[in-house]
Amino acid sequence: MRIAGILILGVIISIYGFISANKLISENSQLEKIIKIISIIKLKMRYSNEKITDLVKDLSVDYSFLFLELNCSFENYFNKICFENKNLNLSAQEKQELFSFFECLGKSDLQNQLTLCDNYIKIFENILQEHKEKSKSKIKLYPSLSILTGMLVVLILI
């Protein structure tokens, strides 16, 4: 019975590394999707006369990880999706950048809105590039290290 518990502990430790690596991959994927969302918003602003609320409703179908159900006032909606959304795996700084983008939407003329979109696309591309550089080695390291740690714990406790 003792050996079974030790083996289970070793497996749990090993799985943790894979979960950590998967979280980093998920963060990269979400940043890529946010860049795509901003690009879509820019495209729709340029070629359609949709209101910002309608744009968000349209995007919420395909990007449900970011856009929550609109069950509050639209002014509080972006605060809610950026800071209270459990599906959003971003740092506090990245969430603040996203909130700043959404907060500025619809508050100036079309040309300034398009420039705003371009600026935030560049900001999130830089964040994504930095994130990929930082996480590249960690994505490979975490699973290997956790397997080794799990095996080491099993060997020590047996």
Protein backbone atom coordinates (compact mmCIF):
# COMPACT_ATOMS: atom_id res chain seq x y z
CA MET A 1 0.00 0.00 0.00
CA ARG A 2 2.85 2.36 0.87
CA ILE A 3 4.53 1.74 -2.50
CA ALA A 4 1.30 2.46 -4.38
CA GLY A 5 0.99 5.82 -2.57
CA ILE A 6 4.60 6.68 -3.39
CA LEU A 7 4.09 5.79 -7.06
CA ILE A 8 0.92 7.91 -7.20
CA LEU A 9 2.84 10.83 -5.69
CA GLY A 10 5.55 10.39 -8.33
CA VAL A 11 2.98 10.40 -11.12
CA ILE A 12 1.27 13.51 -9.73
CA ILE A 13 4.58 15.36 -9.58
CA SER A 14 5.33 14.28 -13.16
CA ILE A 15 1.93 15.45 -14.44
CA TYR A 16 2.42 18.89 -12.87
CA GLY A 17 5.25 19.67 -15.32
CA PHE A 18 3.05 18.85 -18.29
CA ILE A 19 0.28 21.05 -16.90
CA SER A 20 2.72 23.95 -16.44
CA ALA A 21 4.04 23.57 -20.00
CA ASN A 22 0.48 23.42 -21.34
CA LYS A 23 -0.36 26.66 -19.49
CA LEU A 24 2.53 28.45 -21.22
CA ILE A 25 1.36 27.16 -24.61
CA SER A 26 -2.17 28.33 -23.80
CA GLU A 27 -0.92 31.83 -22.92
CA ASN A 28 0.91 32.06 -26.27
CA SER A 29 -2.22 30.89 -28.08
CA GLN A 30 -4.41 33.44 -26.31
CA LEU A 31 -2.03 36.27 -27.19
CA GLU A 32 -2.13 35.18 -30.85
CA LYS A 33 -5.94 35.16 -30.73
CA ILE A 34 -6.03 38.63 -29.15
CA ILE A 35 -3.90 39.96 -32.01
CA LYS A 36 -6.33 38.34 -34.43
CA ILE A 37 -9.31 39.85 -32.58
CA ILE A 38 -7.83 43.35 -32.78
CA SER A 39 -7.14 42.81 -36.50
CA ILE A 40 -10.75 41.71 -37.06
CA ILE A 41 -12.04 44.72 -35.13
CA LYS A 42 -9.87 47.00 -37.28
CA LEU A 43 -11.10 45.35 -40.47
CA LYS A 44 -14.76 45.56 -39.46
CA MET A 45 -14.40 49.18 -38.34
CA ARG A 46 -12.91 50.10 -41.69
CA TYR A 47 -15.43 48.31 -43.90
CA SER A 48 -18.69 48.25 -41.96
CA ASN A 49 -20.80 50.66 -39.97
CA GLU A 50 -21.35 48.32 -37.05
CA LYS A 51 -21.44 49.70 -33.54
CA ILE A 52 -18.75 48.56 -31.12
CA THR A 53 -21.38 46.63 -29.14
CA ASP A 54 -22.38 44.70 -32.26
CA LEU A 55 -18.74 44.01 -33.13
CA VAL A 56 -18.18 42.53 -29.68
CA LYS A 57 -21.33 40.42 -29.90
CA ASP A 58 -20.20 39.04 -33.27
CA LEU A 59 -16.73 38.22 -31.94
CA SER A 60 -18.07 36.62 -28.78
CA VAL A 61 -19.31 33.66 -30.79
CA ASP A 62 -15.87 32.67 -32.12
CA TYR A 63 -13.74 33.91 -29.22
CA SER A 64 -15.65 32.83 -26.15
CA PHE A 65 -12.44 32.49 -24.08
CA LEU A 66 -12.27 36.27 -24.02
CA PHE A 67 -15.77 37.58 -24.48
CA LEU A 68 -18.22 36.69 -21.76
CA GLU A 69 -21.99 36.88 -21.94
CA LEU A 70 -23.07 40.51 -21.87
CA ASN A 71 -24.98 40.59 -18.58
CA CYS A 72 -23.88 44.00 -17.31
CA SER A 73 -23.70 47.52 -18.66
CA PHE A 74 -21.43 47.87 -21.67
CA GLU A 75 -19.24 50.38 -19.80
CA ASN A 76 -18.39 47.71 -17.19
CA TYR A 77 -18.22 44.86 -19.68
CA PHE A 78 -14.60 45.34 -20.73
CA ASN A 79 -13.48 45.64 -17.13
CA LYS A 80 -15.26 42.37 -16.42
CA ILE A 81 -13.79 40.45 -19.36
CA CYS A 82 -10.25 41.71 -18.72
CA PHE A 83 -10.02 41.37 -14.96
CA GLU A 84 -12.71 38.92 -13.84
CA ASN A 85 -12.51 36.40 -16.68
CA LYS A 86 -11.20 33.05 -15.37
CA ASN A 87 -10.51 31.80 -18.92
CA LEU A 88 -8.02 34.56 -19.64
CA ASN A 89 -4.48 33.35 -18.87
CA LEU A 90 -2.62 36.65 -19.07
CA SER A 91 -0.45 38.62 -16.68
CA ALA A 92 -1.81 41.70 -14.93
CA GLN A 93 0.13 43.97 -17.31
CA GLU A 94 -1.25 42.17 -20.38
CA LYS A 95 -4.78 42.39 -19.01
CA GLN A 96 -4.29 46.10 -18.41
CA GLU A 97 -3.10 46.59 -22.00
CA LEU A 98 -6.14 44.72 -23.29
CA PHE A 99 -8.45 46.78 -21.08
CA SER A 100 -6.82 50.01 -22.29
CA PHE A 101 -7.46 48.97 -25.88
CA PHE A 102 -11.13 48.18 -25.26
CA GLU A 103 -11.59 51.30 -23.18
CA CYS A 104 -10.45 53.52 -26.09
CA LEU A 105 -12.66 51.84 -28.70
CA GLY A 106 -15.34 54.07 -30.16
CA LYS A 107 -14.11 57.26 -28.54
CA SER A 108 -12.59 58.98 -31.56
CA ASP A 109 -12.93 59.22 -35.31
CA LEU A 110 -12.33 56.30 -37.65
CA GLN A 111 -8.75 57.20 -38.57
CA ASN A 112 -7.69 57.40 -34.93
CA GLN A 113 -9.46 54.11 -34.21
CA LEU A 114 -7.53 52.40 -37.00
CA THR A 115 -4.28 53.86 -35.67
CA LEU A 116 -5.24 52.67 -32.19
CA CYS A 117 -5.75 49.14 -33.54
CA ASP A 118 -2.37 49.23 -35.32
CA ASN A 119 -0.63 50.39 -32.14
CA TYR A 120 -2.18 47.68 -30.00
CA ILE A 121 -1.45 45.02 -32.60
CA LYS A 122 2.23 46.04 -32.36
CA ILE A 123 2.08 46.07 -28.54
CA PHE A 124 0.61 42.57 -28.39
CA GLU A 125 2.99 41.27 -31.07
CA ASN A 126 5.90 42.50 -28.91
CA ILE A 127 4.37 40.91 -25.82
CA LEU A 128 3.86 37.65 -27.73
CA GLN A 129 7.43 37.66 -29.02
CA GLU A 130 8.82 38.25 -25.52
CA HIS A 131 6.53 35.59 -24.10
CA LYS A 132 7.58 33.04 -26.73
CA GLU A 133 11.27 33.73 -26.07
CA LYS A 134 10.81 33.32 -22.31
CA SER A 135 8.63 30.23 -22.54
CA LYS A 136 10.48 28.38 -25.33
CA SER A 137 12.94 26.62 -23.05
CA LYS A 138 10.45 26.30 -20.17
CA ILE A 139 7.98 24.38 -22.34
CA LYS A 140 10.66 21.72 -22.91
CA LEU A 141 12.14 21.92 -19.42
CA TYR A 142 9.01 21.58 -17.24
CA PRO A 143 7.91 18.10 -18.38
CA SER A 144 11.45 16.69 -18.27
CA LEU A 145 12.20 18.20 -14.88
CA SER A 146 8.91 17.05 -13.38
CA ILE A 147 9.44 13.47 -14.57
CA LEU A 148 12.92 13.49 -13.07
CA THR A 149 11.62 14.99 -9.83
CA GLY A 150 8.81 12.43 -9.67
CA MET A 151 11.27 9.57 -10.18
CA LEU A 152 13.62 11.03 -7.59
CA VAL A 153 10.82 11.31 -5.01
CA VAL A 154 9.82 7.70 -5.67
CA LEU A 155 13.41 6.50 -5.31
CA ILE A 156 13.96 8.45 -2.09
CA LEU A 157 10.72 7.31 -0.45
CA ILE A 158 11.07 3.64 -1.42
